[in-house]
């Protein structure tokens, strides 16, 4: 979990395109919430 957070943050920070950077963080946030049972999995 910590590695995923650090990896997503690192990738988002080196991405020059703000929309793509936000998409990386959003996808990581959604996956972490699903892993922790805080959000229902989506197909």
C-alpha atoms as a PDB file:
ATOM      1  CA  UNK A   1       0.000   0.000   0.000  1.00  0.00           C
ATOM      2  CA  UNK A   2       2.756   2.474   0.914  1.00  0.00           C
ATOM      3  CA  UNK A   3       4.695   1.522  -2.220  1.00  0.00           C
ATOM      4  CA  UNK A   4       1.631   2.167  -4.367  1.00  0.00           C
ATOM      5  CA  UNK A   5       1.141   5.599  -2.785  1.00  0.00           C
ATOM      6  CA  UNK A   6       4.772   6.566  -3.308  1.00  0.00           C
ATOM      7  CA  UNK A   7       4.811   5.191  -6.848  1.00  0.00           C
ATOM      8  CA  UNK A   8       1.648   7.020  -7.877  1.00  0.00           C
ATOM      9  CA  UNK A   9       2.870  10.269  -6.376  1.00  0.00           C
ATOM     10  CA  UNK A  10       6.257   9.928  -8.079  1.00  0.00           C
ATOM     11  CA  UNK A  11       4.716   9.189 -11.466  1.00  0.00           C
ATOM     12  CA  UNK A  12       2.224  12.019 -11.143  1.00  0.00           C
ATOM     13  CA  UNK A  13       4.926  14.523 -10.229  1.00  0.00           C
ATOM     14  CA  UNK A  14       7.113  13.736 -13.260  1.00  0.00           C
ATOM     15  CA  UNK A  15       4.142  13.852 -15.654  1.00  0.00           C
ATOM     16  CA  UNK A  16       4.018  17.214 -17.437  1.00  0.00           C
ATOM     17  CA  UNK A  17       0.388  16.932 -18.525  1.00  0.00           C
ATOM     18  CA  UNK A  18      -1.812  17.977 -15.590  1.00  0.00           C
ATOM     19  CA  UNK A  19      -4.788  15.924 -16.786  1.00  0.00           C
ATOM     20  CA  UNK A  20      -2.686  12.783 -17.038  1.00  0.00           C
ATOM     21  CA  UNK A  21      -1.101  13.474 -13.650  1.00  0.00           C
ATOM     22  CA  UNK A  22      -4.550  13.836 -12.082  1.00  0.00           C
ATOM     23  CA  UNK A  23      -5.693  10.621 -13.784  1.00  0.00           C
ATOM     24  CA  UNK A  24      -2.762   8.710 -12.254  1.00  0.00           C
ATOM     25  CA  UNK A  25      -3.627   9.959  -8.767  1.00  0.00           C
ATOM     26  CA  UNK A  26      -7.357   9.331  -9.222  1.00  0.00           C
ATOM     27  CA  UNK A  27      -6.810   5.758 -10.420  1.00  0.00           C
ATOM     28  CA  UNK A  28      -4.439   5.025  -7.548  1.00  0.00           C
ATOM     29  CA  UNK A  29      -6.854   6.510  -5.001  1.00  0.00           C
ATOM     30  CA  UNK A  30      -9.711   4.409  -6.369  1.00  0.00           C
ATOM     31  CA  UNK A  31      -7.640   1.200  -6.287  1.00  0.00           C
ATOM     32  CA  UNK A  32      -6.492   1.828  -2.721  1.00  0.00           C
ATOM     33  CA  UNK A  33     -10.044   2.496  -1.543  1.00  0.00           C
ATOM     34  CA  UNK A  34     -11.164  -0.770  -3.140  1.00  0.00           C
ATOM     35  CA  UNK A  35      -8.282  -2.658  -1.473  1.00  0.00           C
ATOM     36  CA  UNK A  36      -9.240  -1.252   1.916  1.00  0.00           C
ATOM     37  CA  UNK A  37     -12.940  -1.958   1.397  1.00  0.00           C
ATOM     38  CA  UNK A  38     -13.884   1.714   1.412  1.00  0.00           C
ATOM     39  CA  UNK A  39     -15.315   1.635  -2.109  1.00  0.00           C
ATOM     40  CA  UNK A  40     -17.193  -1.052  -4.003  1.00  0.00           C
ATOM     41  CA  UNK A  41     -15.269  -2.606  -6.945  1.00  0.00           C
ATOM     42  CA  UNK A  42     -16.389  -1.395 -10.347  1.00  0.00           C
ATOM     43  CA  UNK A  43     -16.345  -3.575 -13.461  1.00  0.00           C
END
